Amino acid sequence: MCLYEPKDPDTSHPDYIRITGLIQKLKPKGILISRAEYDTNPNVVSLVAKHGEKILPAVVVNDFVMLTGRYPTDDEIKQILHVSDNLIERKTHCCSCCCIPGFECDE
């Protein structure tokens, strides 16, 4: 799965921060979500040419554009990547010393 984003994404947006946390949480488990600028994918370039950058971010899986205009929800990521709930579900409590916001420690 690849997220194609604008050249200058709003890194303070809550969904950007949420996705960044998920990427960091899933990577050690061997589940990769990559990020790239939209101009590296011809399908996304074509969509941007037709509709403008408002269609970004775009989610692409196996060269198929699955979602445009927003980041996927946690449930959509679970469905796209076929991962279990416990890998993505946000927790309500944490030690708050070292965790990604919204995720509990793995201890």
C-alpha atoms as a PDB file:
ATOM      1  CA  MET A   1       0.000   0.000   0.000  1.00  0.00           C
ATOM      2  CA  CYS A   2       1.302   3.419  -0.904  1.00  0.00           C
ATOM      3  CA  LEU A   3       0.011   6.830   0.091  1.00  0.00           C
ATOM      4  CA  TYR A   4       0.616   9.418  -2.593  1.00  0.00           C
ATOM      5  CA  GLU A   5       0.653  12.856  -1.058  1.00  0.00           C
ATOM      6  CA  PRO A   6       1.108  16.460  -2.134  1.00  0.00           C
ATOM      7  CA  LYS A   7       4.677  17.722  -2.329  1.00  0.00           C
ATOM      8  CA  ASP A   8       4.062  19.687   0.867  1.00  0.00           C
ATOM      9  CA  PRO A   9       1.515  17.779   2.997  1.00  0.00           C
ATOM     10  CA  ASP A  10       0.009  19.356   6.119  1.00  0.00           C
ATOM     11  CA  THR A  11       2.032  17.455   8.700  1.00  0.00           C
ATOM     12  CA  SER A  12      -0.009  18.977  11.531  1.00  0.00           C
ATOM     13  CA  HIS A  13      -3.297  17.480  10.276  1.00  0.00           C
ATOM     14  CA  PRO A  14      -4.655  14.858  12.720  1.00  0.00           C
ATOM     15  CA  ASP A  15      -5.062  12.228   9.977  1.00  0.00           C
ATOM     16  CA  TYR A  16      -1.475  12.754   8.792  1.00  0.00           C
ATOM     17  CA  ILE A  17      -0.297  12.268  12.368  1.00  0.00           C
ATOM     18  CA  ARG A  18      -2.536   9.185  12.806  1.00  0.00           C
ATOM     19  CA  ILE A  19      -1.210   7.578   9.610  1.00  0.00           C
ATOM     20  CA  THR A  20       2.373   8.355  10.625  1.00  0.00           C
ATOM     21  CA  GLY A  21       1.745   6.560  13.920  1.00  0.00           C
ATOM     22  CA  LEU A  22       0.258   3.553  12.134  1.00  0.00           C
ATOM     23  CA  ILE A  23       3.196   3.358   9.742  1.00  0.00           C
ATOM     24  CA  GLN A  24       5.601   3.368  12.685  1.00  0.00           C
ATOM     25  CA  LYS A  25       3.561   0.771  14.581  1.00  0.00           C
ATOM     26  CA  LEU A  26       3.141  -1.643  11.661  1.00  0.00           C
ATOM     27  CA  LYS A  27       6.647  -1.472  10.177  1.00  0.00           C
ATOM     28  CA  PRO A  28       8.336  -3.605  12.898  1.00  0.00           C
ATOM     29  CA  LYS A  29       5.633  -6.214  12.306  1.00  0.00           C
ATOM     30  CA  GLY A  30       6.614  -6.430   8.615  1.00  0.00           C
ATOM     31  CA  ILE A  31       3.569  -4.522   7.356  1.00  0.00           C
ATOM     32  CA  LEU A  32       4.714  -1.671   5.171  1.00  0.00           C
ATOM     33  CA  ILE A  33       2.800   1.424   4.198  1.00  0.00           C
ATOM     34  CA  SER A  34       4.927   3.639   2.027  1.00  0.00           C
ATOM     35  CA  ARG A  35       4.601   7.332   1.272  1.00  0.00           C
ATOM     36  CA  ALA A  36       5.526   9.037  -1.962  1.00  0.00           C
ATOM     37  CA  GLU A  37       4.938  12.281  -3.777  1.00  0.00           C
ATOM     38  CA  TYR A  38       2.065  11.929  -6.212  1.00  0.00           C
ATOM     39  CA  ASP A  39       4.170  12.707  -9.282  1.00  0.00           C
ATOM     40  CA  THR A  40       5.915   9.330  -8.989  1.00  0.00           C
ATOM     41  CA  ASN A  41       2.794   7.366 -10.016  1.00  0.00           C
ATOM     42  CA  PRO A  42       1.368   7.833 -13.533  1.00  0.00           C
ATOM     43  CA  ASN A  43      -2.170   6.859 -12.463  1.00  0.00           C
ATOM     44  CA  VAL A  44      -2.177   9.454  -9.703  1.00  0.00           C
ATOM     45  CA  VAL A  45      -0.585  12.066 -11.984  1.00  0.00           C
ATOM     46  CA  SER A  46      -3.435  11.505 -14.435  1.00  0.00           C
ATOM     47  CA  LEU A  47      -6.047  11.936 -11.702  1.00  0.00           C
ATOM     48  CA  VAL A  48      -4.389  15.118 -10.444  1.00  0.00           C
ATOM     49  CA  ALA A  49      -4.286  16.475 -14.017  1.00  0.00           C
ATOM     50  CA  LYS A  50      -8.041  15.894 -14.327  1.00  0.00           C
ATOM     51  CA  HIS A  51      -9.211  16.855 -10.830  1.00  0.00           C
ATOM     52  CA  GLY A  52      -6.425  18.855  -9.192  1.00  0.00           C
ATOM     53  CA  GLU A  53      -4.549  18.204  -5.974  1.00  0.00           C
ATOM     54  CA  LYS A  54      -7.827  18.033  -4.039  1.00  0.00           C
ATOM     55  CA  ILE A  55      -7.830  14.295  -4.800  1.00  0.00           C
ATOM     56  CA  LEU A  56      -4.715  13.870  -2.646  1.00  0.00           C
ATOM     57  CA  PRO A  57      -3.826  11.918  -0.675  1.00  0.00           C
ATOM     58  CA  ALA A  58      -4.437   8.891  -2.851  1.00  0.00           C
ATOM     59  CA  VAL A  59      -4.177   5.292  -1.659  1.00  0.00           C
ATOM     60  CA  VAL A  60      -2.782   2.872  -4.234  1.00  0.00           C
ATOM     61  CA  VAL A  61      -2.567  -0.906  -3.855  1.00  0.00           C
ATOM     62  CA  ASN A  62      -1.078  -3.050  -6.631  1.00  0.00           C
ATOM     63  CA  ASP A  63      -1.277  -0.089  -9.053  1.00  0.00           C
ATOM     64  CA  PHE A  64      -4.998   0.333  -8.355  1.00  0.00           C
ATOM     65  CA  VAL A  65      -6.184   3.650  -6.917  1.00  0.00           C
ATOM     66  CA  MET A  66      -8.420   2.611  -4.024  1.00  0.00           C
ATOM     67  CA  LEU A  67      -9.138   5.905  -2.300  1.00  0.00           C
ATOM     68  CA  THR A  68      -8.679   9.600  -3.045  1.00  0.00           C
ATOM     69  CA  GLY A  69      -9.107  12.885  -1.252  1.00  0.00           C
ATOM     70  CA  ARG A  70      -8.443  11.676   2.274  1.00  0.00           C
ATOM     71  CA  TYR A  71      -6.397   9.295   4.345  1.00  0.00           C
ATOM     72  CA  PRO A  72      -7.913   5.861   4.930  1.00  0.00           C
ATOM     73  CA  THR A  73      -9.625   5.148   8.222  1.00  0.00           C
ATOM     74  CA  ASP A  74      -8.193   2.539  10.555  1.00  0.00           C
ATOM     75  CA  ASP A  75     -10.946   0.133   9.471  1.00  0.00           C
ATOM     76  CA  GLU A  76     -10.132   0.700   5.792  1.00  0.00           C
ATOM     77  CA  ILE A  77      -6.455   0.000   6.456  1.00  0.00           C
ATOM     78  CA  LYS A  78      -7.393  -3.239   8.244  1.00  0.00           C
ATOM     79  CA  GLN A  79      -9.442  -4.291   5.206  1.00  0.00           C
ATOM     80  CA  ILE A  80      -6.878  -3.240   2.606  1.00  0.00           C
ATOM     81  CA  LEU A  81      -3.914  -4.849   4.360  1.00  0.00           C
ATOM     82  CA  HIS A  82      -5.834  -7.795   5.872  1.00  0.00           C
ATOM     83  CA  VAL A  83      -4.448  -7.197   9.346  1.00  0.00           C
ATOM     84  CA  SER A  84      -6.049  -8.035  12.664  1.00  0.00           C
ATOM     85  CA  ASP A  85      -7.815  -5.513  14.843  1.00  0.00           C
ATOM     86  CA  ASN A  86      -5.224  -5.680  17.604  1.00  0.00           C
ATOM     87  CA  LEU A  87      -2.479  -4.402  15.281  1.00  0.00           C
ATOM     88  CA  ILE A  88      -4.325  -1.195  14.463  1.00  0.00           C
ATOM     89  CA  GLU A  89      -6.864  -0.522  17.200  1.00  0.00           C
ATOM     90  CA  ARG A  90      -6.223   2.590  19.205  1.00  0.00           C
ATOM     91  CA  LYS A  91      -5.989   2.104  22.934  1.00  0.00           C
ATOM     92  CA  THR A  92      -7.467   4.318  25.607  1.00  0.00           C
ATOM     93  CA  HIS A  93      -4.677   4.110  28.140  1.00  0.00           C
ATOM     94  CA  CYS A  94      -0.918   4.095  28.106  1.00  0.00           C
ATOM     95  CA  CYS A  95       2.056   4.749  30.287  1.00  0.00           C
ATOM     96  CA  SER A  96       2.378   8.012  28.249  1.00  0.00           C
ATOM     97  CA  CYS A  97       6.121   7.966  28.550  1.00  0.00           C
ATOM     98  CA  CYS A  98       7.186   6.622  25.194  1.00  0.00           C
ATOM     99  CA  CYS A  99       4.186   5.675  23.067  1.00  0.00           C
ATOM    100  CA  ILE A 100       2.844   6.905  19.783  1.00  0.00           C
ATOM    101  CA  PRO A 101      -0.256   8.996  20.619  1.00  0.00           C
ATOM    102  CA  GLY A 102      -3.347   6.776  20.521  1.00  0.00           C
ATOM    103  CA  PHE A 103      -1.456   3.501  20.846  1.00  0.00           C
ATOM    104  CA  GLU A 104      -0.696   1.503  23.932  1.00  0.00           C
ATOM    105  CA  CYS A 105       2.726   0.144  24.775  1.00  0.00           C
ATOM    106  CA  ASP A 106       3.440  -3.371  23.524  1.00  0.00           C
ATOM    107  CA  GLU A 107       4.489  -4.454  27.009  1.00  0.00           C
END
